Amino acid sequence: MLLVHSHTYHIHTVLESVGSWLQINNLHLFSLISYLFKIYQQHVSIPVMESDQLMYYR
């Protein structure tokens, strides 16, 4: 239990340090990647969710 908690905490710490490094060094690149990821989610995830809902309703 404690090992799993410390492991997930370590992962969160690594993600936070990587995110802060991106924000400090590559702010424009980071915002561009997040913007492209939002566009990707809008074009890919939402139609998939809609088709899944249509299949469920059928």
N, C-alpha and C. Protein backbone atom coordinates (compact mmCIF):
# COMPACT_ATOMS: atom_id res chain seq x y z
N MET A 1 0.84 -1.20 0.00
CA MET A 1 0.00 0.00 0.00
C MET A 1 0.87 1.26 0.00
N LEU A 2 1.82 1.27 0.93
CA LEU A 2 2.71 2.43 1.02
C LEU A 2 3.61 2.51 -0.22
N LEU A 3 4.07 1.37 -0.72
CA LEU A 3 4.92 1.37 -1.91
C LEU A 3 4.16 1.89 -3.11
N VAL A 4 2.91 1.46 -3.27
CA VAL A 4 2.11 1.93 -4.41
C VAL A 4 1.90 3.43 -4.30
N HIS A 5 1.59 3.91 -3.07
CA HIS A 5 1.35 5.34 -2.90
C HIS A 5 2.60 6.14 -3.22
N SER A 6 3.76 5.69 -2.73
CA SER A 6 4.99 6.41 -3.01
C SER A 6 5.33 6.35 -4.49
N HIS A 7 4.99 5.23 -5.15
CA HIS A 7 5.28 5.11 -6.58
C HIS A 7 4.43 6.10 -7.38
N THR A 8 3.13 6.16 -7.08
CA THR A 8 2.27 7.12 -7.79
C THR A 8 2.70 8.55 -7.46
N TYR A 9 3.12 8.80 -6.23
CA TYR A 9 3.61 10.14 -5.88
C TYR A 9 4.86 10.48 -6.69
N HIS A 10 5.73 9.51 -6.87
CA HIS A 10 6.93 9.74 -7.67
C HIS A 10 6.56 10.07 -9.11
N ILE A 11 5.57 9.35 -9.67
CA ILE A 11 5.14 9.62 -11.04
C ILE A 11 4.58 11.04 -11.14
N HIS A 12 3.75 11.43 -10.15
CA HIS A 12 3.20 12.79 -10.17
C HIS A 12 4.30 13.84 -10.06
N THR A 13 5.31 13.56 -9.23
CA THR A 13 6.41 14.51 -9.09
C THR A 13 7.18 14.65 -10.40
N VAL A 14 7.41 13.53 -11.07
CA VAL A 14 8.12 13.57 -12.36
C VAL A 14 7.30 14.35 -13.39
N LEU A 15 5.98 14.09 -13.43
CA LEU A 15 5.13 14.81 -14.38
C LEU A 15 5.12 16.30 -14.08
N GLU A 16 5.06 16.67 -12.81
CA GLU A 16 5.05 18.08 -12.46
C GLU A 16 6.37 18.75 -12.83
N SER A 17 7.49 18.06 -12.58
CA SER A 17 8.79 18.65 -12.92
C SER A 17 8.94 18.79 -14.43
N VAL A 18 8.47 17.78 -15.18
CA VAL A 18 8.55 17.86 -16.65
C VAL A 18 7.66 18.99 -17.15
N GLY A 19 6.44 19.10 -16.58
CA GLY A 19 5.54 20.17 -17.00
C GLY A 19 6.10 21.54 -16.70
N SER A 20 6.70 21.70 -15.51
CA SER A 20 7.28 23.00 -15.17
C SER A 20 8.48 23.30 -16.08
N TRP A 21 9.27 22.28 -16.43
CA TRP A 21 10.40 22.51 -17.33
C TRP A 21 9.91 22.95 -18.70
N LEU A 22 8.83 22.33 -19.19
CA LEU A 22 8.28 22.73 -20.47
C LEU A 22 7.76 24.16 -20.42
N GLN A 23 7.09 24.50 -19.31
CA GLN A 23 6.54 25.85 -19.21
C GLN A 23 7.65 26.88 -19.15
N ILE A 24 8.77 26.54 -18.49
CA ILE A 24 9.85 27.52 -18.35
C ILE A 24 10.63 27.64 -19.66
N ASN A 25 10.99 26.50 -20.26
CA ASN A 25 11.90 26.53 -21.39
C ASN A 25 11.19 26.60 -22.75
N ASN A 26 10.04 25.93 -22.85
CA ASN A 26 9.37 25.86 -24.15
C ASN A 26 7.90 26.24 -24.00
N LEU A 27 7.66 27.46 -23.52
CA LEU A 27 6.28 27.86 -23.23
C LEU A 27 5.44 27.85 -24.50
N HIS A 28 5.98 28.39 -25.59
CA HIS A 28 5.21 28.43 -26.82
C HIS A 28 5.00 27.03 -27.40
N LEU A 29 6.03 26.20 -27.32
CA LEU A 29 5.90 24.82 -27.80
C LEU A 29 4.88 24.05 -26.97
N PHE A 30 4.90 24.26 -25.65
CA PHE A 30 3.97 23.56 -24.76
C PHE A 30 2.54 23.98 -25.05
N SER A 31 2.30 25.28 -25.23
CA SER A 31 0.95 25.75 -25.53
C SER A 31 0.51 25.27 -26.90
N LEU A 32 1.43 25.20 -27.86
CA LEU A 32 1.09 24.71 -29.19
C LEU A 32 0.69 23.24 -29.14
N ILE A 33 1.46 22.44 -28.36
CA ILE A 33 1.14 21.01 -28.24
C ILE A 33 -0.22 20.82 -27.58
N SER A 34 -0.48 21.59 -26.50
CA SER A 34 -1.77 21.45 -25.82
C SER A 34 -2.90 21.89 -26.74
N TYR A 35 -2.67 22.94 -27.55
CA TYR A 35 -3.69 23.41 -28.49
C TYR A 35 -3.98 22.36 -29.55
N LEU A 36 -2.93 21.76 -30.10
CA LEU A 36 -3.11 20.69 -31.08
C LEU A 36 -3.79 19.49 -30.46
N PHE A 37 -3.48 19.20 -29.19
CA PHE A 37 -4.12 18.07 -28.52
C PHE A 37 -5.61 18.33 -28.32
N LYS A 38 -5.99 19.58 -28.03
CA LYS A 38 -7.40 19.91 -27.90
C LYS A 38 -8.11 19.73 -29.24
N ILE A 39 -7.48 20.18 -30.32
CA ILE A 39 -8.08 19.99 -31.65
C ILE A 39 -8.20 18.51 -31.96
N TYR A 40 -7.17 17.74 -31.63
CA TYR A 40 -7.20 16.29 -31.85
C TYR A 40 -8.34 15.64 -31.07
N GLN A 41 -8.53 16.07 -29.81
CA GLN A 41 -9.63 15.51 -29.03
C GLN A 41 -10.97 15.86 -29.66
N GLN A 42 -11.12 17.09 -30.14
CA GLN A 42 -12.39 17.50 -30.72
C GLN A 42 -12.70 16.69 -31.98
N HIS A 43 -11.68 16.40 -32.79
CA HIS A 43 -11.94 15.72 -34.06
C HIS A 43 -11.97 14.20 -33.93
N VAL A 44 -11.36 13.65 -32.88
CA VAL A 44 -11.26 12.19 -32.78
C VAL A 44 -12.13 11.64 -31.66
N SER A 45 -11.97 12.18 -30.44
CA SER A 45 -12.63 11.58 -29.29
C SER A 45 -14.14 11.80 -29.32
N ILE A 46 -14.59 13.00 -29.69
CA ILE A 46 -16.02 13.30 -29.61
C ILE A 46 -16.82 12.48 -30.63
N PRO A 47 -16.40 12.35 -31.90
CA PRO A 47 -17.16 11.47 -32.81
C PRO A 47 -17.17 10.02 -32.34
N VAL A 48 -16.09 9.54 -31.76
CA VAL A 48 -16.06 8.18 -31.25
C VAL A 48 -17.08 8.03 -30.12
N MET A 49 -17.12 9.01 -29.22
CA MET A 49 -18.09 8.96 -28.13
C MET A 49 -19.51 9.01 -28.68
N GLU A 50 -19.76 9.84 -29.68
CA GLU A 50 -21.10 9.93 -30.26
C GLU A 50 -21.51 8.61 -30.92
N SER A 51 -20.58 8.00 -31.63
CA SER A 51 -20.92 6.73 -32.28
C SER A 51 -21.17 5.65 -31.23
N ASP A 52 -20.40 5.68 -30.13
CA ASP A 52 -20.64 4.71 -29.06
C ASP A 52 -22.02 4.92 -28.45
N GLN A 53 -22.42 6.18 -28.25
CA GLN A 53 -23.74 6.45 -27.70
C GLN A 53 -24.82 5.98 -28.67
N LEU A 54 -24.60 6.19 -29.97
CA LEU A 54 -25.60 5.73 -30.94
C LEU A 54 -25.71 4.21 -30.91
N MET A 55 -24.57 3.53 -30.77
CA MET A 55 -24.62 2.07 -30.69
C MET A 55 -25.37 1.63 -29.42
N TYR A 56 -25.13 2.35 -28.31
CA TYR A 56 -25.82 1.98 -27.08
C TYR A 56 -27.32 2.21 -27.22
N TYR A 57 -27.72 3.29 -27.87
CA TYR A 57 -29.15 3.57 -28.00
C TYR A 57 -29.83 2.57 -28.93
N ARG A 58 -29.11 2.04 -29.88
CA ARG A 58 -29.70 1.04 -30.75
C ARG A 58 -29.94 -0.25 -29.97
